[in-house]
């Protein structure tokens, strides 16, 4: 099972050795400045996220989890691309406004 996260996502803490607990395996997927980060984790019944290796008991389960992880990673890259496009558009608009403001005093001097 994959888990989508945001900047406020819980950080996976190290699982204590020789301790038994129940939970559900998950991937914490985050977009960072370096790229998309993936952490294999288990979410315990009390809501803690513990860093754990991803263990797949059979091929079918492994492939379904990989497909979910793949979709989550693609989604994070898509979101990052949208944010990047928005920033570029905002910077372009700001540059155009600044250029117009610089031209405005020149037009007033000629009239």
N, C-alpha and C. Protein backbone atom coordinates (compact mmCIF):
# COMPACT_ATOMS: atom_id res chain seq x y z
N UNK A 1 0.84 -1.17 0.00
CA UNK A 1 0.00 0.00 0.00
C UNK A 1 0.88 1.22 0.00
N UNK A 2 0.59 2.18 -0.82
CA UNK A 2 1.36 3.41 -0.85
C UNK A 2 0.64 4.47 -0.03
N UNK A 3 1.42 5.40 0.45
CA UNK A 3 0.84 6.48 1.24
C UNK A 3 1.34 7.79 0.67
N UNK A 4 0.42 8.64 0.22
CA UNK A 4 0.82 9.94 -0.28
C UNK A 4 1.08 10.84 0.92
N UNK A 5 2.12 11.65 0.83
CA UNK A 5 2.45 12.52 1.94
C UNK A 5 2.69 13.93 1.45
N UNK A 6 2.71 14.83 2.40
CA UNK A 6 3.04 16.22 2.12
C UNK A 6 4.21 16.58 3.00
N UNK A 7 4.55 17.86 3.04
CA UNK A 7 5.69 18.29 3.84
C UNK A 7 5.50 17.98 5.32
N UNK A 8 4.26 17.78 5.75
CA UNK A 8 4.00 17.50 7.15
C UNK A 8 3.89 16.00 7.43
N UNK A 9 4.32 15.20 6.49
CA UNK A 9 4.23 13.74 6.65
C UNK A 9 5.10 13.28 7.81
N UNK A 10 4.66 12.22 8.49
CA UNK A 10 5.48 11.71 9.58
C UNK A 10 6.77 11.12 9.06
N UNK A 11 7.85 11.38 9.75
CA UNK A 11 9.14 10.80 9.38
C UNK A 11 9.18 9.40 9.98
N UNK A 12 9.63 8.45 9.20
CA UNK A 12 9.70 7.08 9.68
C UNK A 12 10.83 6.96 10.70
N UNK A 13 10.48 6.50 11.90
CA UNK A 13 11.50 6.28 12.92
C UNK A 13 12.02 4.86 12.79
N UNK A 14 13.20 4.62 13.32
CA UNK A 14 13.78 3.28 13.25
C UNK A 14 12.94 2.31 14.08
N UNK A 15 12.68 1.15 13.53
CA UNK A 15 11.94 0.12 14.25
C UNK A 15 12.84 -0.46 15.34
N UNK A 16 12.32 -0.58 16.56
CA UNK A 16 13.13 -1.18 17.62
C UNK A 16 13.42 -2.65 17.30
N UNK A 17 14.63 -3.08 17.63
CA UNK A 17 15.01 -4.47 17.35
C UNK A 17 14.28 -5.43 18.29
N UNK A 18 13.99 -6.60 17.79
CA UNK A 18 13.36 -7.67 18.57
C UNK A 18 12.06 -7.25 19.23
N UNK A 19 11.31 -6.38 18.58
CA UNK A 19 10.02 -5.94 19.09
C UNK A 19 8.94 -6.35 18.09
N UNK A 20 7.86 -6.91 18.61
CA UNK A 20 6.77 -7.30 17.73
C UNK A 20 5.72 -6.20 17.75
N UNK A 21 5.13 -5.94 16.58
CA UNK A 21 4.07 -4.96 16.46
C UNK A 21 3.23 -5.33 15.25
N UNK A 22 2.05 -4.78 15.19
CA UNK A 22 1.17 -5.03 14.06
C UNK A 22 0.99 -3.72 13.32
N UNK A 23 0.87 -3.82 12.00
CA UNK A 23 0.68 -2.62 11.20
C UNK A 23 0.54 -2.98 9.74
N UNK A 24 0.60 -1.94 8.93
CA UNK A 24 0.42 -2.11 7.49
C UNK A 24 1.61 -1.50 6.78
N UNK A 25 2.18 -2.24 5.83
CA UNK A 25 3.30 -1.73 5.05
C UNK A 25 2.87 -0.57 4.17
N UNK A 26 3.75 0.38 3.99
CA UNK A 26 3.45 1.55 3.18
C UNK A 26 4.74 2.13 2.62
N UNK A 27 4.59 2.98 1.63
CA UNK A 27 5.70 3.77 1.13
C UNK A 27 5.39 5.23 1.44
N UNK A 28 6.34 5.91 2.01
CA UNK A 28 6.21 7.35 2.19
C UNK A 28 6.91 7.97 1.00
N UNK A 29 6.16 8.70 0.19
CA UNK A 29 6.69 9.32 -1.02
C UNK A 29 6.63 10.82 -0.84
N UNK A 30 7.79 11.47 -0.99
CA UNK A 30 7.88 12.92 -0.81
C UNK A 30 8.64 13.55 -1.96
N UNK A 31 8.24 14.76 -2.33
CA UNK A 31 8.98 15.52 -3.32
C UNK A 31 9.96 16.40 -2.57
N UNK A 32 11.24 16.30 -2.92
CA UNK A 32 12.28 17.08 -2.28
C UNK A 32 13.00 17.90 -3.35
N UNK A 33 13.89 18.78 -2.93
CA UNK A 33 14.67 19.57 -3.88
C UNK A 33 15.54 18.66 -4.76
N UNK A 34 15.95 17.52 -4.24
CA UNK A 34 16.81 16.60 -4.99
C UNK A 34 16.02 15.68 -5.92
N UNK A 35 14.72 15.55 -5.71
CA UNK A 35 13.89 14.65 -6.52
C UNK A 35 12.80 14.05 -5.66
N UNK A 36 12.30 12.92 -6.07
CA UNK A 36 11.25 12.22 -5.33
C UNK A 36 11.91 11.18 -4.43
N UNK A 37 11.62 11.27 -3.12
CA UNK A 37 12.20 10.35 -2.14
C UNK A 37 11.14 9.32 -1.74
N UNK A 38 11.57 8.08 -1.61
CA UNK A 38 10.67 6.99 -1.22
C UNK A 38 11.28 6.27 -0.02
N UNK A 39 10.47 6.09 1.02
CA UNK A 39 10.89 5.35 2.21
C UNK A 39 9.92 4.21 2.40
N UNK A 40 10.44 3.03 2.56
CA UNK A 40 9.62 1.87 2.88
C UNK A 40 9.36 1.91 4.38
N UNK A 41 8.12 1.73 4.79
CA UNK A 41 7.76 1.87 6.19
C UNK A 41 6.62 0.93 6.55
N UNK A 42 6.36 0.83 7.82
CA UNK A 42 5.16 0.16 8.30
C UNK A 42 4.45 1.16 9.21
N UNK A 43 3.16 1.29 9.03
CA UNK A 43 2.35 2.15 9.88
C UNK A 43 1.74 1.24 10.94
N UNK A 44 2.13 1.48 12.20
CA UNK A 44 1.65 0.62 13.28
C UNK A 44 0.22 0.95 13.64
N UNK A 45 -0.41 0.06 14.41
CA UNK A 45 -1.80 0.28 14.81
C UNK A 45 -1.97 1.56 15.63
N UNK A 46 -0.90 1.99 16.33
CA UNK A 46 -1.00 3.24 17.11
C UNK A 46 -0.58 4.46 16.29
N UNK A 47 -0.40 4.30 14.96
CA UNK A 47 -0.16 5.43 14.07
C UNK A 47 1.28 5.82 13.86
N UNK A 48 2.22 5.08 14.44
CA UNK A 48 3.64 5.41 14.23
C UNK A 48 4.09 4.89 12.86
N UNK A 49 5.00 5.62 12.23
CA UNK A 49 5.61 5.19 10.97
C UNK A 49 7.02 4.71 11.30
N UNK A 50 7.26 3.42 11.10
CA UNK A 50 8.56 2.83 11.39
C UNK A 50 9.27 2.44 10.10
N UNK A 51 10.53 2.83 9.98
CA UNK A 51 11.32 2.46 8.80
C UNK A 51 11.50 0.95 8.79
N UNK A 52 11.14 0.33 7.70
CA UNK A 52 11.24 -1.12 7.56
C UNK A 52 11.54 -1.43 6.11
N UNK A 53 12.24 -2.52 5.87
CA UNK A 53 12.43 -2.91 4.47
C UNK A 53 11.10 -3.38 3.89
N UNK A 54 10.94 -3.18 2.60
CA UNK A 54 9.74 -3.69 1.94
C UNK A 54 9.95 -5.18 1.71
N UNK A 55 9.05 -5.99 2.24
CA UNK A 55 9.14 -7.44 2.09
C UNK A 55 7.89 -7.90 1.36
N UNK A 56 8.09 -8.59 0.26
CA UNK A 56 6.98 -9.04 -0.56
C UNK A 56 6.88 -10.56 -0.47
N UNK A 57 5.77 -11.09 0.06
CA UNK A 57 5.66 -12.54 0.26
C UNK A 57 5.49 -13.34 -1.03
N UNK A 58 5.03 -12.67 -2.10
CA UNK A 58 4.89 -13.38 -3.37
C UNK A 58 4.95 -12.39 -4.53
N UNK A 59 5.10 -12.91 -5.73
CA UNK A 59 5.28 -12.07 -6.91
C UNK A 59 4.07 -11.18 -7.17
N UNK A 60 2.89 -11.72 -7.05
CA UNK A 60 1.68 -10.95 -7.31
C UNK A 60 1.59 -9.72 -6.39
N UNK A 61 1.82 -9.94 -5.11
CA UNK A 61 1.78 -8.84 -4.15
C UNK A 61 2.89 -7.83 -4.45
N UNK A 62 4.06 -8.32 -4.76
CA UNK A 62 5.20 -7.44 -5.07
C UNK A 62 4.87 -6.54 -6.25
N UNK A 63 4.35 -7.12 -7.31
CA UNK A 63 4.04 -6.33 -8.50
C UNK A 63 2.92 -5.33 -8.26
N UNK A 64 1.92 -5.69 -7.46
CA UNK A 64 0.84 -4.74 -7.17
C UNK A 64 1.38 -3.56 -6.35
N UNK A 65 2.29 -3.84 -5.42
CA UNK A 65 2.88 -2.77 -4.61
C UNK A 65 3.79 -1.88 -5.47
N UNK A 66 4.53 -2.50 -6.36
CA UNK A 66 5.41 -1.74 -7.25
C UNK A 66 4.57 -0.85 -8.18
N UNK A 67 3.44 -1.37 -8.65
CA UNK A 67 2.55 -0.56 -9.49
C UNK A 67 2.02 0.65 -8.72
N UNK A 68 1.62 0.43 -7.46
CA UNK A 68 1.13 1.55 -6.64
C UNK A 68 2.24 2.57 -6.39
N UNK A 69 3.44 2.08 -6.10
CA UNK A 69 4.57 2.97 -5.88
C UNK A 69 4.90 3.75 -7.15
N UNK A 70 4.87 3.07 -8.26
CA UNK A 70 5.13 3.72 -9.56
C UNK A 70 4.14 4.85 -9.79
N UNK A 71 2.87 4.60 -9.54
CA UNK A 71 1.83 5.63 -9.71
C UNK A 71 2.08 6.81 -8.77
N UNK A 72 2.47 6.54 -7.53
CA UNK A 72 2.73 7.60 -6.57
C UNK A 72 3.93 8.46 -7.00
N UNK A 73 4.97 7.80 -7.49
CA UNK A 73 6.17 8.54 -7.94
C UNK A 73 5.82 9.40 -9.15
N UNK A 74 5.08 8.85 -10.10
CA UNK A 74 4.67 9.61 -11.28
C UNK A 74 3.83 10.82 -10.85
N UNK A 75 2.92 10.62 -9.90
CA UNK A 75 2.08 11.70 -9.41
C UNK A 75 2.93 12.82 -8.80
N UNK A 76 3.94 12.47 -8.03
CA UNK A 76 4.80 13.49 -7.41
C UNK A 76 5.58 14.26 -8.48
N UNK A 77 6.07 13.57 -9.49
CA UNK A 77 6.78 14.28 -10.58
C UNK A 77 5.81 15.18 -11.35
N UNK A 78 4.58 14.72 -11.57
CA UNK A 78 3.58 15.56 -12.24
C UNK A 78 3.29 16.82 -11.43
N UNK A 79 3.13 16.66 -10.11
CA UNK A 79 2.88 17.82 -9.25
C UNK A 79 4.06 18.78 -9.27
N UNK A 80 5.27 18.24 -9.23
CA UNK A 80 6.47 19.09 -9.26
C UNK A 80 6.54 19.85 -10.58
N UNK A 81 6.19 19.20 -11.67
CA UNK A 81 6.20 19.87 -12.98
C UNK A 81 5.17 20.99 -13.02
N UNK A 82 3.99 20.76 -12.43
CA UNK A 82 2.96 21.80 -12.40
C UNK A 82 3.43 23.00 -11.58
N UNK A 83 4.04 22.74 -10.44
CA UNK A 83 4.55 23.82 -9.61
C UNK A 83 5.63 24.59 -10.36
N UNK A 84 6.51 23.87 -11.03
CA UNK A 84 7.56 24.51 -11.81
C UNK A 84 6.99 25.38 -12.92
N UNK A 85 5.99 24.88 -13.63
CA UNK A 85 5.36 25.65 -14.70
C UNK A 85 4.69 26.91 -14.15
N UNK A 86 4.05 26.78 -12.99
CA UNK A 86 3.41 27.94 -12.36
C UNK A 86 4.45 28.98 -11.98
N UNK A 87 5.57 28.55 -11.42
CA UNK A 87 6.62 29.49 -11.05
C UNK A 87 7.20 30.20 -12.27
N UNK A 88 7.42 29.47 -13.34
CA UNK A 88 7.93 30.07 -14.57
C UNK A 88 6.95 31.10 -15.10
N UNK A 89 5.65 30.77 -15.12
CA UNK A 89 4.64 31.71 -15.60
C UNK A 89 4.59 32.96 -14.71
N UNK A 90 4.68 32.77 -13.40
CA UNK A 90 4.67 33.92 -12.48
C UNK A 90 5.90 34.80 -12.68
N UNK A 91 7.06 34.19 -12.87
CA UNK A 91 8.28 34.96 -13.10
C UNK A 91 8.21 35.73 -14.41
N UNK A 92 7.65 35.11 -15.43
CA UNK A 92 7.51 35.76 -16.73
C UNK A 92 6.56 36.95 -16.62
N UNK A 93 5.44 36.76 -15.93
CA UNK A 93 4.47 37.84 -15.75
C UNK A 93 5.09 38.99 -14.96
N UNK A 94 5.83 38.68 -13.92
CA UNK A 94 6.48 39.70 -13.10
C UNK A 94 7.50 40.48 -13.94
N UNK A 95 8.27 39.77 -14.76
CA UNK A 95 9.26 40.43 -15.62
C UNK A 95 8.58 41.35 -16.62
N UNK A 96 7.44 40.92 -17.18
CA UNK A 96 6.69 41.76 -18.12
C UNK A 96 6.15 43.00 -17.42
N UNK A 97 5.64 42.84 -16.20
CA UNK A 97 5.13 43.98 -15.45
C UNK A 97 6.24 44.97 -15.13
N UNK A 98 7.40 44.46 -14.75
CA UNK A 98 8.54 45.32 -14.45
C UNK A 98 9.00 46.06 -15.70
N UNK A 99 8.99 45.38 -16.85
CA UNK A 99 9.38 46.02 -18.10
C UNK A 99 8.39 47.13 -18.46
N UNK A 100 7.10 46.88 -18.25
CA UNK A 100 6.09 47.90 -18.53
C UNK A 100 6.25 49.09 -17.59
N UNK A 101 6.57 48.85 -16.34
CA UNK A 101 6.75 49.93 -15.37
C UNK A 101 7.98 50.76 -15.73
N UNK A 102 9.01 50.13 -16.26
CA UNK A 102 10.21 50.86 -16.68
C UNK A 102 9.92 51.71 -17.90
N UNK A 103 9.05 51.23 -18.81
CA UNK A 103 8.70 51.98 -20.02
C UNK A 103 7.75 53.12 -19.72
N UNK A 104 6.90 52.99 -18.70
CA UNK A 104 5.90 53.99 -18.40
C UNK A 104 6.52 55.37 -18.15
N UNK A 105 7.56 55.53 -17.34
CA UNK A 105 8.14 56.86 -17.16
C UNK A 105 8.73 57.42 -18.46
N UNK A 106 9.27 56.56 -19.32
CA UNK A 106 9.82 57.01 -20.59
C UNK A 106 8.72 57.58 -21.48
N UNK A 107 7.53 56.94 -21.48
CA UNK A 107 6.41 57.42 -22.27
C UNK A 107 5.91 58.77 -21.75
N UNK A 108 5.90 58.94 -20.43
CA UNK A 108 5.45 60.21 -19.84
C UNK A 108 6.39 61.35 -20.22
N UNK A 109 7.68 61.09 -20.32
CA UNK A 109 8.66 62.12 -20.66
C UNK A 109 8.50 62.56 -22.10
N UNK A 110 8.07 61.67 -23.00
CA UNK A 110 7.94 62.01 -24.40
C UNK A 110 6.64 62.76 -24.69
N UNK A 111 5.66 62.73 -23.80
CA UNK A 111 4.39 63.41 -24.02
C UNK A 111 4.35 64.73 -23.37
